[in-house]
Amino acid sequence: VRARPDVLEWQLALVDFQRHPQAPLFTDGAGFAPYAEANAPRLEYGAV
């Protein structure tokens, strides 16, 4: 994001992060998957 703010590919992972506000900040997609209503494979990337 800091290097190329004009390249928005990073935002694709935000949906996995934002749809799970109950997820602990120290977890990742694989660790949180059993508790997620939907798959969140990019949770840790959206945590940017």
ModelCIF file with pLDDT and N, C-alpha, C, O atoms, coordinates in Angstrom:
data_MODEL
#
_entry.id   MODEL 
#
_entity.id                         1 
_entity.type                       polymer 
_entity.pdbx_number_of_molecules   1 
#
_entity_poly.entity_id                      1 
_entity_poly.type                           'polypeptide(L)' 
_entity_poly.nstd_linkage                   no 
_entity_poly.nstd_monomer                   no 
_entity_poly.pdbx_seq_one_letter_code       VRARPDVLEWQLALVDFQRHPQAPLFTDGAGFAPYAEANAPRLEYGAV 
_entity_poly.pdbx_seq_one_letter_code_can   VRARPDVLEWQLALVDFQRHPQAPLFTDGAGFAPYAEANAPRLEYGAV 
_entity_poly.pdbx_strand_id                 A 
#
loop_
_entity_poly_seq.entity_id 
_entity_poly_seq.num 
_entity_poly_seq.mon_id 
_entity_poly_seq.hetero 
1 1  VAL n 
1 2  ARG n 
1 3  ALA n 
1 4  ARG n 
1 5  PRO n 
1 6  ASP n 
1 7  VAL n 
1 8  LEU n 
1 9  GLU n 
1 10 TRP n 
1 11 GLN n 
1 12 LEU n 
1 13 ALA n 
1 14 LEU n 
1 15 VAL n 
1 16 ASP n 
1 17 PHE n 
1 18 GLN n 
1 19 ARG n 
1 20 HIS n 
1 21 PRO n 
1 22 GLN n 
1 23 ALA n 
1 24 PRO n 
1 25 LEU n 
1 26 PHE n 
1 27 THR n 
1 28 ASP n 
1 29 GLY n 
1 30 ALA n 
1 31 GLY n 
1 32 PHE n 
1 33 ALA n 
1 34 PRO n 
1 35 TYR n 
1 36 ALA n 
1 37 GLU n 
1 38 ALA n 
1 39 ASN n 
1 40 ALA n 
1 41 PRO n 
1 42 ARG n 
1 43 LEU n 
1 44 GLU n 
1 45 TYR n 
1 46 GLY n 
1 47 ALA n 
1 48 VAL n 
#
_struct_asym.id          A 
_struct_asym.entity_id   1 
#
loop_
_ma_qa_metric.id 
_ma_qa_metric.mode 
_ma_qa_metric.name 
_ma_qa_metric.software_group_id 
_ma_qa_metric.type 
1 global pLDDT . pLDDT 
2 local  pLDDT . pLDDT 
#
_ma_qa_metric_global.metric_id      1 
_ma_qa_metric_global.metric_value   85.98 
_ma_qa_metric_global.model_id       1 
_ma_qa_metric_global.ordinal_id     1 
#
loop_
_ma_qa_metric_local.label_asym_id 
_ma_qa_metric_local.label_comp_id 
_ma_qa_metric_local.label_seq_id 
_ma_qa_metric_local.metric_id 
_ma_qa_metric_local.metric_value 
_ma_qa_metric_local.model_id 
_ma_qa_metric_local.ordinal_id 
A VAL 1  2 97.00 1 1  
A ARG 2  2 97.00 1 2  
A ALA 3  2 97.00 1 3  
A ARG 4  2 97.00 1 4  
A PRO 5  2 95.00 1 5  
A ASP 6  2 96.00 1 6  
A VAL 7  2 97.00 1 7  
A LEU 8  2 94.00 1 8  
A GLU 9  2 94.00 1 9  
A TRP 10 2 94.00 1 10 
A GLN 11 2 93.00 1 11 
A LEU 12 2 91.00 1 12 
A ALA 13 2 92.00 1 13 
A LEU 14 2 91.00 1 14 
A VAL 15 2 87.00 1 15 
A ASP 16 2 87.00 1 16 
A PHE 17 2 90.00 1 17 
A GLN 18 2 89.00 1 18 
A ARG 19 2 85.00 1 19 
A HIS 20 2 86.00 1 20 
A PRO 21 2 87.00 1 21 
A GLN 22 2 86.00 1 22 
A ALA 23 2 87.00 1 23 
A PRO 24 2 87.00 1 24 
A LEU 25 2 87.00 1 25 
A PHE 26 2 85.00 1 26 
A THR 27 2 85.00 1 27 
A ASP 28 2 84.00 1 28 
A GLY 29 2 83.00 1 29 
A ALA 30 2 82.00 1 30 
A GLY 31 2 83.00 1 31 
A PHE 32 2 82.00 1 32 
A ALA 33 2 77.00 1 33 
A PRO 34 2 68.00 1 34 
A TYR 35 2 66.00 1 35 
A ALA 36 2 61.00 1 36 
A GLU 37 2 61.00 1 37 
A ALA 38 2 62.00 1 38 
A ASN 39 2 65.00 1 39 
A ALA 40 2 68.00 1 40 
A PRO 41 2 80.00 1 41 
A ARG 42 2 88.00 1 42 
A LEU 43 2 90.00 1 43 
A GLU 44 2 94.00 1 44 
A TYR 45 2 95.00 1 45 
A GLY 46 2 94.00 1 46 
A ALA 47 2 95.00 1 47 
A VAL 48 2 96.00 1 48 
#
loop_
_atom_site.group_PDB 
_atom_site.id 
_atom_site.type_symbol 
_atom_site.label_atom_id 
_atom_site.label_alt_id 
_atom_site.label_comp_id 
_atom_site.label_asym_id 
_atom_site.label_entity_id 
_atom_site.label_seq_id 
_atom_site.pdbx_PDB_ins_code 
_atom_site.Cartn_x 
_atom_site.Cartn_y 
_atom_site.Cartn_z 
_atom_site.occupancy 
_atom_site.B_iso_or_equiv 
_atom_site.pdbx_formal_charge 
_atom_site.auth_seq_id 
_atom_site.auth_comp_id 
_atom_site.auth_asym_id 
_atom_site.auth_atom_id 
_atom_site.pdbx_PDB_model_num 
ATOM 1   N N  . VAL A 1 1  ? 0.834   -1.205  0.000  1.00 97.00 ? 1  VAL A N  1 
ATOM 2   C CA . VAL A 1 1  ? 0.000   0.000   0.000  1.00 97.00 ? 1  VAL A CA 1 
ATOM 3   C C  . VAL A 1 1  ? 0.862   1.246   0.000  1.00 97.00 ? 1  VAL A C  1 
ATOM 4   O O  . VAL A 1 1  ? 0.584   2.193   -0.736 1.00 97.00 ? 1  VAL A O  1 
ATOM 5   N N  . ARG A 1 2  ? 1.894   1.259   0.807  1.00 97.00 ? 2  ARG A N  1 
ATOM 6   C CA . ARG A 1 2  ? 2.753   2.437   0.887  1.00 97.00 ? 2  ARG A CA 1 
ATOM 7   C C  . ARG A 1 2  ? 3.551   2.646   -0.394 1.00 97.00 ? 2  ARG A C  1 
ATOM 8   O O  . ARG A 1 2  ? 3.809   3.782   -0.792 1.00 97.00 ? 2  ARG A O  1 
ATOM 9   N N  . ALA A 1 3  ? 3.942   1.548   -1.038 1.00 97.00 ? 3  ALA A N  1 
ATOM 10  C CA . ALA A 1 3  ? 4.759   1.662   -2.248 1.00 97.00 ? 3  ALA A CA 1 
ATOM 11  C C  . ALA A 1 3  ? 3.948   2.113   -3.454 1.00 97.00 ? 3  ALA A C  1 
ATOM 12  O O  . ALA A 1 3  ? 4.373   2.987   -4.210 1.00 97.00 ? 3  ALA A O  1 
ATOM 13  N N  . ARG A 1 4  ? 2.765   1.503   -3.629 1.00 97.00 ? 4  ARG A N  1 
ATOM 14  C CA . ARG A 1 4  ? 1.946   1.822   -4.796 1.00 97.00 ? 4  ARG A CA 1 
ATOM 15  C C  . ARG A 1 4  ? 0.489   1.962   -4.357 1.00 97.00 ? 4  ARG A C  1 
ATOM 16  O O  . ARG A 1 4  ? -0.302  1.043   -4.569 1.00 97.00 ? 4  ARG A O  1 
ATOM 17  N N  . PRO A 1 5  ? 0.119   3.088   -3.752 1.00 95.00 ? 5  PRO A N  1 
ATOM 18  C CA . PRO A 1 5  ? -1.265  3.270   -3.308 1.00 95.00 ? 5  PRO A CA 1 
ATOM 19  C C  . PRO A 1 5  ? -2.268  3.252   -4.446 1.00 95.00 ? 5  PRO A C  1 
ATOM 20  O O  . PRO A 1 5  ? -3.469  3.111   -4.217 1.00 95.00 ? 5  PRO A O  1 
ATOM 21  N N  . ASP A 1 6  ? -1.785  3.392   -5.667 1.00 96.00 ? 6  ASP A N  1 
ATOM 22  C CA . ASP A 1 6  ? -2.680  3.372   -6.822 1.00 96.00 ? 6  ASP A CA 1 
ATOM 23  C C  . ASP A 1 6  ? -3.039  1.956   -7.259 1.00 96.00 ? 6  ASP A C  1 
ATOM 24  O O  . ASP A 1 6  ? -3.974  1.772   -8.039 1.00 96.00 ? 6  ASP A O  1 
ATOM 25  N N  . VAL A 1 7  ? -2.313  0.954   -6.769 1.00 97.00 ? 7  VAL A N  1 
ATOM 26  C CA . VAL A 1 7  ? -2.595  -0.442  -7.111 1.00 97.00 ? 7  VAL A CA 1 
ATOM 27  C C  . VAL A 1 7  ? -3.491  -1.012  -6.009 1.00 97.00 ? 7  VAL A C  1 
ATOM 28  O O  . VAL A 1 7  ? -3.052  -1.183  -4.872 1.00 97.00 ? 7  VAL A O  1 
ATOM 29  N N  . LEU A 1 8  ? -4.729  -1.298  -6.345 1.00 94.00 ? 8  LEU A N  1 
ATOM 30  C CA . LEU A 1 8  ? -5.751  -1.602  -5.334 1.00 94.00 ? 8  LEU A CA 1 
ATOM 31  C C  . LEU A 1 8  ? -5.991  -3.085  -5.136 1.00 94.00 ? 8  LEU A C  1 
ATOM 32  O O  . LEU A 1 8  ? -6.994  -3.456  -4.526 1.00 94.00 ? 8  LEU A O  1 
ATOM 33  N N  . GLU A 1 9  ? -5.127  -3.934  -5.618 1.00 94.00 ? 9  GLU A N  1 
ATOM 34  C CA . GLU A 1 9  ? -5.323  -5.376  -5.477 1.00 94.00 ? 9  GLU A CA 1 
ATOM 35  C C  . GLU A 1 9  ? -5.413  -5.796  -4.017 1.00 94.00 ? 9  GLU A C  1 
ATOM 36  O O  . GLU A 1 9  ? -6.114  -6.755  -3.691 1.00 94.00 ? 9  GLU A O  1 
ATOM 37  N N  . TRP A 1 10 ? -4.712  -5.090  -3.136 1.00 94.00 ? 10 TRP A N  1 
ATOM 38  C CA . TRP A 1 10 ? -4.722  -5.434  -1.714 1.00 94.00 ? 10 TRP A CA 1 
ATOM 39  C C  . TRP A 1 10 ? -6.114  -5.341  -1.107 1.00 94.00 ? 10 TRP A C  1 
ATOM 40  O O  . TRP A 1 10 ? -6.409  -6.021  -0.125 1.00 94.00 ? 10 TRP A O  1 
ATOM 41  N N  . GLN A 1 11 ? -6.975  -4.502  -1.685 1.00 93.00 ? 11 GLN A N  1 
ATOM 42  C CA . GLN A 1 11 ? -8.315  -4.328  -1.124 1.00 93.00 ? 11 GLN A CA 1 
ATOM 43  C C  . GLN A 1 11 ? -9.194  -5.567  -1.284 1.00 93.00 ? 11 GLN A C  1 
ATOM 44  O O  . GLN A 1 11 ? -10.206 -5.698  -0.595 1.00 93.00 ? 11 GLN A O  1 
ATOM 45  N N  . LEU A 1 12 ? -8.820  -6.472  -2.179 1.00 91.00 ? 12 LEU A N  1 
ATOM 46  C CA . LEU A 1 12 ? -9.612  -7.676  -2.375 1.00 91.00 ? 12 LEU A CA 1 
ATOM 47  C C  . LEU A 1 12 ? -9.679  -8.531  -1.118 1.00 91.00 ? 12 LEU A C  1 
ATOM 48  O O  . LEU A 1 12 ? -10.641 -9.273  -0.921 1.00 91.00 ? 12 LEU A O  1 
ATOM 49  N N  . ALA A 1 13 ? -8.658  -8.430  -0.264 1.00 92.00 ? 13 ALA A N  1 
ATOM 50  C CA . ALA A 1 13 ? -8.636  -9.227  0.963  1.00 92.00 ? 13 ALA A CA 1 
ATOM 51  C C  . ALA A 1 13 ? -9.432  -8.581  2.094  1.00 92.00 ? 13 ALA A C  1 
ATOM 52  O O  . ALA A 1 13 ? -9.717  -9.227  3.103  1.00 92.00 ? 13 ALA A O  1 
ATOM 53  N N  . LEU A 1 14 ? -9.788  -7.324  1.930  1.00 91.00 ? 14 LEU A N  1 
ATOM 54  C CA . LEU A 1 14 ? -10.481 -6.632  3.021  1.00 91.00 ? 14 LEU A CA 1 
ATOM 55  C C  . LEU A 1 14 ? -11.838 -7.250  3.330  1.00 91.00 ? 14 LEU A C  1 
ATOM 56  O O  . LEU A 1 14 ? -12.292 -7.217  4.474  1.00 91.00 ? 14 LEU A O  1 
ATOM 57  N N  . VAL A 1 15 ? -12.484 -7.810  2.319  1.00 87.00 ? 15 VAL A N  1 
ATOM 58  C CA . VAL A 1 15 ? -13.809 -8.372  2.546  1.00 87.00 ? 15 VAL A CA 1 
ATOM 59  C C  . VAL A 1 15 ? -13.730 -9.527  3.541  1.00 87.00 ? 15 VAL A C  1 
ATOM 60  O O  . VAL A 1 15 ? -14.633 -9.685  4.363  1.00 87.00 ? 15 VAL A O  1 
ATOM 61  N N  . ASP A 1 16 ? -12.670 -10.340 3.486  1.00 87.00 ? 16 ASP A N  1 
ATOM 62  C CA . ASP A 1 16 ? -12.508 -11.439 4.442  1.00 87.00 ? 16 ASP A CA 1 
ATOM 63  C C  . ASP A 1 16 ? -12.294 -10.917 5.856  1.00 87.00 ? 16 ASP A C  1 
ATOM 64  O O  . ASP A 1 16 ? -12.759 -11.512 6.829  1.00 87.00 ? 16 ASP A O  1 
ATOM 65  N N  . PHE A 1 17 ? -11.582 -9.793  5.956  1.00 90.00 ? 17 PHE A N  1 
ATOM 66  C CA . PHE A 1 17 ? -11.297 -9.227  7.276  1.00 90.00 ? 17 PHE A CA 1 
ATOM 67  C C  . PHE A 1 17 ? -12.502 -8.489  7.837  1.00 90.00 ? 17 PHE A C  1 
ATOM 68  O O  . PHE A 1 17 ? -12.843 -8.655  9.008  1.00 90.00 ? 17 PHE A O  1 
ATOM 69  N N  . GLN A 1 18 ? -13.144 -7.677  7.014  1.00 89.00 ? 18 GLN A N  1 
ATOM 70  C CA . GLN A 1 18 ? -14.232 -6.834  7.496  1.00 89.00 ? 18 GLN A CA 1 
ATOM 71  C C  . GLN A 1 18 ? -15.513 -7.621  7.801  1.00 89.00 ? 18 GLN A C  1 
ATOM 72  O O  . GLN A 1 18 ? -16.315 -7.194  8.632  1.00 89.00 ? 18 GLN A O  1 
ATOM 73  N N  . ARG A 1 19 ? -15.708 -8.755  7.141  1.00 85.00 ? 19 ARG A N  1 
ATOM 74  C CA . ARG A 1 19 ? -16.926 -9.517  7.413  1.00 85.00 ? 19 ARG A CA 1 
ATOM 75  C C  . ARG A 1 19 ? -16.814 -10.331 8.707  1.00 85.00 ? 19 ARG A C  1 
ATOM 76  O O  . ARG A 1 19 ? -17.781 -10.961 9.134  1.00 85.00 ? 19 ARG A O  1 
ATOM 77  N N  . HIS A 1 20 ? -15.623 -10.313 9.329  1.00 86.00 ? 20 HIS A N  1 
ATOM 78  C CA . HIS A 1 20 ? -15.427 -11.069 10.566 1.00 86.00 ? 20 HIS A CA 1 
ATOM 79  C C  . HIS A 1 20 ? -14.815 -10.176 11.656 1.00 86.00 ? 20 HIS A C  1 
ATOM 80  O O  . HIS A 1 20 ? -13.693 -10.431 12.094 1.00 86.00 ? 20 HIS A O  1 
ATOM 81  N N  . PRO A 1 21 ? -15.531 -9.139  12.097 1.00 87.00 ? 21 PRO A N  1 
ATOM 82  C CA . PRO A 1 21 ? -14.985 -8.263  13.138 1.00 87.00 ? 21 PRO A CA 1 
ATOM 83  C C  . PRO A 1 21 ? -14.802 -8.966  14.469 1.00 87.00 ? 21 PRO A C  1 
ATOM 84  O O  . PRO A 1 21 ? -14.100 -8.460  15.345 1.00 87.00 ? 21 PRO A O  1 
ATOM 85  N N  . GLN A 1 22 ? -15.433 -10.142 14.636 1.00 86.00 ? 22 GLN A N  1 
ATOM 86  C CA . GLN A 1 22 ? -15.282 -10.894 15.881 1.00 86.00 ? 22 GLN A CA 1 
ATOM 87  C C  . GLN A 1 22 ? -13.982 -11.697 15.932 1.00 86.00 ? 22 GLN A C  1 
ATOM 88  O O  . GLN A 1 22 ? -13.624 -12.229 16.982 1.00 86.00 ? 22 GLN A O  1 
ATOM 89  N N  . ALA A 1 23 ? -13.281 -11.786 14.813 1.00 87.00 ? 23 ALA A N  1 
ATOM 90  C CA . ALA A 1 23 ? -12.039 -12.564 14.774 1.00 87.00 ? 23 ALA A CA 1 
ATOM 91  C C  . ALA A 1 23 ? -10.955 -11.864 15.596 1.00 87.00 ? 23 ALA A C  1 
ATOM 92  O O  . ALA A 1 23 ? -10.761 -10.658 15.442 1.00 87.00 ? 23 ALA A O  1 
ATOM 93  N N  . PRO A 1 24 ? -10.247 -12.586 16.460 1.00 87.00 ? 24 PRO A N  1 
ATOM 94  C CA . PRO A 1 24 ? -9.144  -11.972 17.208 1.00 87.00 ? 24 PRO A CA 1 
ATOM 95  C C  . PRO A 1 24 ? -8.086  -11.419 16.258 1.00 87.00 ? 24 PRO A C  1 
ATOM 96  O O  . PRO A 1 24 ? -7.850  -11.980 15.189 1.00 87.00 ? 24 PRO A O  1 
ATOM 97  N N  . LEU A 1 25 ? -7.462  -10.337 16.646 1.00 87.00 ? 25 LEU A N  1 
ATOM 98  C CA . LEU A 1 25 ? -6.469  -9.708  15.789 1.00 87.00 ? 25 LEU A CA 1 
ATOM 99  C C  . LEU A 1 25 ? -5.216  -10.553 15.618 1.00 87.00 ? 25 LEU A C  1 
ATOM 100 O O  . LEU A 1 25 ? -4.415  -10.297 14.719 1.00 87.00 ? 25 LEU A O  1 
ATOM 101 N N  . PHE A 1 26 ? -5.038  -11.552 16.465 1.00 85.00 ? 26 PHE A N  1 
ATOM 102 C CA . PHE A 1 26 ? -3.829  -12.361 16.362 1.00 85.00 ? 26 PHE A CA 1 
ATOM 103 C C  . PHE A 1 26 ? -4.055  -13.659 15.583 1.00 85.00 ? 26 PHE A C  1 
ATOM 104 O O  . PHE A 1 26 ? -3.152  -14.493 15.512 1.00 85.00 ? 26 PHE A O  1 
ATOM 105 N N  . THR A 1 27 ? -5.230  -13.841 15.004 1.00 85.00 ? 27 THR A N  1 
ATOM 106 C CA . THR A 1 27 ? -5.498  -15.079 14.280 1.00 85.00 ? 27 THR A CA 1 
ATOM 107 C C  . THR A 1 27 ? -5.271  -14.900 12.789 1.00 85.00 ? 27 THR A C  1 
ATOM 108 O O  . THR A 1 27 ? -4.986  -13.796 12.324 1.00 85.00 ? 27 THR A O  1 
ATOM 109 N N  . ASP A 1 28 ? -5.399  -16.008 12.031 1.00 84.00 ? 28 ASP A N  1 
ATOM 110 C CA . ASP A 1 28 ? -5.278  -15.978 10.575 1.00 84.00 ? 28 ASP A CA 1 
ATOM 111 C C  . ASP A 1 28 ? -6.425  -16.766 9.965  1.00 84.00 ? 28 ASP A C  1 
ATOM 112 O O  . ASP A 1 28 ? -7.219  -17.370 10.687 1.00 84.00 ? 28 ASP A O  1 
ATOM 113 N N  . GLY A 1 29 ? -6.517  -16.762 8.633  1.00 83.00 ? 29 GLY A N  1 
ATOM 114 C CA . GLY A 1 29 ? -7.646  -17.392 7.970  1.00 83.00 ? 29 GLY A CA 1 
ATOM 115 C C  . GLY A 1 29 ? -7.781  -18.863 8.285  1.00 83.00 ? 29 GLY A C  1 
ATOM 116 O O  . GLY A 1 29 ? -8.890  -19.345 8.514  1.00 83.00 ? 29 GLY A O  1 
ATOM 117 N N  . ALA A 1 30 ? -6.670  -19.591 8.302  1.00 82.00 ? 30 ALA A N  1 
ATOM 118 C CA . ALA A 1 30 ? -6.724  -21.029 8.579  1.00 82.00 ? 30 ALA A CA 1 
ATOM 119 C C  . ALA A 1 30 ? -7.143  -21.295 10.017 1.00 82.00 ? 30 ALA A C  1 
ATOM 120 O O  . ALA A 1 30 ? -7.941  -22.196 10.275 1.00 82.00 ? 30 ALA A O  1 
ATOM 121 N N  . GLY A 1 31 ? -6.609  -20.515 10.955 1.00 83.00 ? 31 GLY A N  1 
ATOM 122 C CA . GLY A 1 31 ? -6.944  -20.712 12.353 1.00 83.00 ? 31 GLY A CA 1 
ATOM 123 C C  . GLY A 1 31 ? -8.379  -20.344 12.684 1.00 83.00 ? 31 GLY A C  1 
ATOM 124 O O  . GLY A 1 31 ? -8.989  -20.922 13.583 1.00 83.00 ? 31 GLY A O  1 
ATOM 125 N N  . PHE A 1 32 ? -8.911  -19.375 11.946 1.00 82.00 ? 32 PHE A N  1 
ATOM 126 C CA . PHE A 1 32 ? -10.260 -18.897 12.240 1.00 82.00 ? 32 PHE A CA 1 
ATOM 127 C C  . PHE A 1 32 ? -11.332 -19.632 11.437 1.00 82.00 ? 32 PHE A C  1 
ATOM 128 O O  . PHE A 1 32 ? -12.517 -19.519 11.751 1.00 82.00 ? 32 PHE A O  1 
ATOM 129 N N  . ALA A 1 33 ? -10.941 -20.375 10.417 1.00 77.00 ? 33 ALA A N  1 
ATOM 130 C CA . ALA A 1 33 ? -11.896 -21.011 9.513  1.00 77.00 ? 33 ALA A CA 1 
ATOM 131 C C  . ALA A 1 33 ? -12.986 -21.820 10.204 1.00 77.00 ? 33 ALA A C  1 
ATOM 132 O O  . ALA A 1 33 ? -14.141 -21.722 9.790  1.00 77.00 ? 33 ALA A O  1 
ATOM 133 N N  . PRO A 1 34 ? -12.687 -22.622 11.242 1.00 68.00 ? 34 PRO A N  1 
ATOM 134 C CA . PRO A 1 34 ? -13.760 -23.405 11.863 1.00 68.00 ? 34 PRO A CA 1 
ATOM 135 C C  . PRO A 1 34 ? -14.846 -22.557 12.518 1.00 68.00 ? 34 PRO A C  1 
ATOM 136 O O  . PRO A 1 34 ? -15.945 -23.049 12.774 1.00 68.00 ? 34 PRO A O  1 
ATOM 137 N N  . TYR A 1 35 ? -14.551 -21.293 12.790 1.00 66.00 ? 35 TYR A N  1 
ATOM 138 C CA . TYR A 1 35 ? -15.500 -20.435 13.494 1.00 66.00 ? 35 TYR A CA 1 
ATOM 139 C C  . TYR A 1 35 ? -16.152 -19.411 12.570 1.00 66.00 ? 35 TYR A C  1 
ATOM 140 O O  . TYR A 1 35 ? -17.026 -18.660 13.002 1.00 66.00 ? 35 TYR A O  1 
ATOM 141 N N  . ALA A 1 36 ? -15.742 -19.371 11.319 1.00 61.00 ? 36 ALA A N  1 
ATOM 142 C CA . ALA A 1 36 ? -16.256 -18.364 10.388 1.00 61.00 ? 36 ALA A CA 1 
ATOM 143 C C  . ALA A 1 36 ? -17.554 -18.831 9.744  1.00 61.00 ? 36 ALA A C  1 
ATOM 144 O O  . ALA A 1 36 ? -17.723 -20.012 9.441  1.00 61.00 ? 36 ALA A O  1 
ATOM 145 N N  . GLU A 1 37 ? -18.467 -17.888 9.541  1.00 61.00 ? 37 GLU A N  1 
ATOM 146 C CA . GLU A 1 37 ? -19.712 -18.208 8.837  1.00 61.00 ? 37 GLU A CA 1 
ATOM 147 C C  . GLU A 1 37 ? -19.442 -18.499 7.370  1.00 61.00 ? 37 GLU A C  1 
ATOM 148 O O  . GLU A 1 37 ? -20.174 -19.267 6.746  1.00 61.00 ? 37 GLU A O  1 
ATOM 149 N N  . ALA A 1 38 ? -18.423 -17.905 6.827  1.00 62.00 ? 38 ALA A N  1 
ATOM 150 C CA . ALA A 1 38 ? -18.002 -18.150 5.455  1.00 62.00 ? 38 ALA A CA 1 
ATOM 151 C C  . ALA A 1 38 ? -16.486 -18.279 5.451  1.00 62.00 ? 38 ALA A C  1 
ATOM 152 O O  . ALA A 1 38 ? -15.809 -17.807 6.365  1.00 62.00 ? 38 ALA A O  1 
ATOM 153 N N  . ASN A 1 39 ? -15.969 -18.910 4.433  1.00 65.00 ? 39 ASN A N  1 
ATOM 154 C CA . ASN A 1 39 ? -14.531 -19.087 4.355  1.00 65.00 ? 39 ASN A CA 1 
ATOM 155 C C  . ASN A 1 39 ? -13.823 -17.728 4.325  1.00 65.00 ? 39 ASN A C  1 
ATOM 156 O O  . ASN A 1 39 ? -14.284 -16.793 3.669  1.00 65.00 ? 39 ASN A O  1 
ATOM 157 N N  . ALA A 1 40 ? -12.715 -17.633 5.031  1.00 68.00 ? 40 ALA A N  1 
ATOM 158 C CA . ALA A 1 40 ? -11.970 -16.368 5.097  1.00 68.00 ? 40 ALA A CA 1 
ATOM 159 C C  . ALA A 1 40 ? -10.489 -16.635 4.847  1.00 68.00 ? 40 ALA A C  1 
ATOM 160 O O  . ALA A 1 40 ? -9.668  -16.410 5.736  1.00 68.00 ? 40 ALA A O  1 
ATOM 161 N N  . PRO A 1 41 ? -10.133 -17.113 3.653  1.00 80.00 ? 41 PRO A N  1 
ATOM 162 C CA . PRO A 1 41 ? -8.750  -17.530 3.405  1.00 80.00 ? 41 PRO A CA 1 
ATOM 163 C C  . PRO A 1 41 ? -7.742  -16.397 3.422  1.00 80.00 ? 41 PRO A C  1 
ATOM 164 O O  . PRO A 1 41 ? -6.546  -16.636 3.589  1.00 80.00 ? 41 PRO A O  1 
ATOM 165 N N  . ARG A 1 42 ? -8.212  -15.153 3.249  1.00 88.00 ? 42 ARG A N  1 
ATOM 166 C CA . ARG A 1 42 ? -7.273  -14.030 3.173  1.00 88.00 ? 42 ARG A CA 1 
ATOM 167 C C  . ARG A 1 42 ? -7.444  -13.081 4.362  1.00 88.00 ? 42 ARG A C  1 
ATOM 168 O O  . ARG A 1 42 ? -7.147  -11.890 4.268  1.00 88.00 ? 42 ARG A O  1 
ATOM 169 N N  . LEU A 1 43 ? -7.919  -13.618 5.459  1.00 90.00 ? 43 LEU A N  1 
ATOM 170 C CA . LEU A 1 43 ? -8.137  -12.806 6.657  1.00 90.00 ? 43 LEU A CA 1 
ATOM 171 C C  . LEU A 1 43 ? -6.880  -12.061 7.077  1.00 90.00 ? 43 LEU A C  1 
ATOM 172 O O  . LEU A 1 43 ? -6.932  -10.871 7.391  1.00 90.00 ? 43 LEU A O  1 
ATOM 173 N N  . GLU A 1 44 ? -5.749  -12.761 7.083  1.00 94.00 ? 44 GLU A N  1 
ATOM 174 C CA . GLU A 1 44 ? -4.495  -12.153 7.543  1.00 94.00 ? 44 GLU A CA 1 
ATOM 175 C C  . GLU A 1 44 ? -4.001  -11.062 6.598  1.00 94.00 ? 44 GLU A C  1 
ATOM 176 O O  . GLU A 1 44 ? -3.320  -10.132 7.031  1.00 94.00 ? 44 GLU A O  1 
ATOM 177 N N  . TYR A 1 45 ? -4.338  -11.166 5.304  1.00 95.00 ? 45 TYR A N  1 
ATOM 178 C CA . TYR A 1 45 ? -3.947  -10.126 4.351  1.00 95.00 ? 45 TYR A CA 1 
ATOM 179 C C  . TYR A 1 45 ? -4.844  -8.893  4.523  1.00 95.00 ? 45 TYR A C  1 
ATOM 180 O O  . TYR A 1 45 ? -4.368  -7.760  4.458  1.00 95.00 ? 45 TYR A O  1 
ATOM 181 N N  . GLY A 1 46 ? -6.137  -9.121  4.741  1.00 94.00 ? 46 GLY A N  1 
ATOM 182 C CA . GLY A 1 46 ? -7.049  -8.010  4.989  1.00 94.00 ? 46 GLY A CA 1 
ATOM 183 C C  . GLY A 1 46 ? -6.764  -7.294  6.286  1.00 94.00 ? 46 GLY A C  1 
ATOM 184 O O  . GLY A 1 46 ? -7.165  -6.145  6.472  1.00 94.00 ? 46 GLY A O  1 
ATOM 185 N N  . ALA A 1 47 ? -6.057  -7.984  7.204  1.00 95.00 ? 47 ALA A N  1 
ATOM 186 C CA . ALA A 1 47 ? -5.689  -7.366  8.481  1.00 95.00 ? 47 ALA A CA 1 
ATOM 187 C C  . ALA A 1 47 ? -4.689  -6.228  8.298  1.00 95.00 ? 47 ALA A C  1 
ATOM 188 O O  . ALA A 1 47 ? -4.295  -5.585  9.272  1.00 95.00 ? 47 ALA A O  1 
ATOM 189 N N  . VAL A 1 48 ? -4.276  -5.974  7.048  1.00 96.00 ? 48 VAL A N  1 
ATOM 190 C CA . VAL A 1 48 ? -3.460  -4.789  6.776  1.00 96.00 ? 48 VAL A CA 1 
ATOM 191 C C  . VAL A 1 48 ? -4.161  -3.541  7.284  1.00 96.00 ? 48 VAL A C  1 
ATOM 192 O O  . VAL A 1 48 ? -3.632  -2.438  7.149  1.00 96.00 ? 48 VAL A O  1 
#
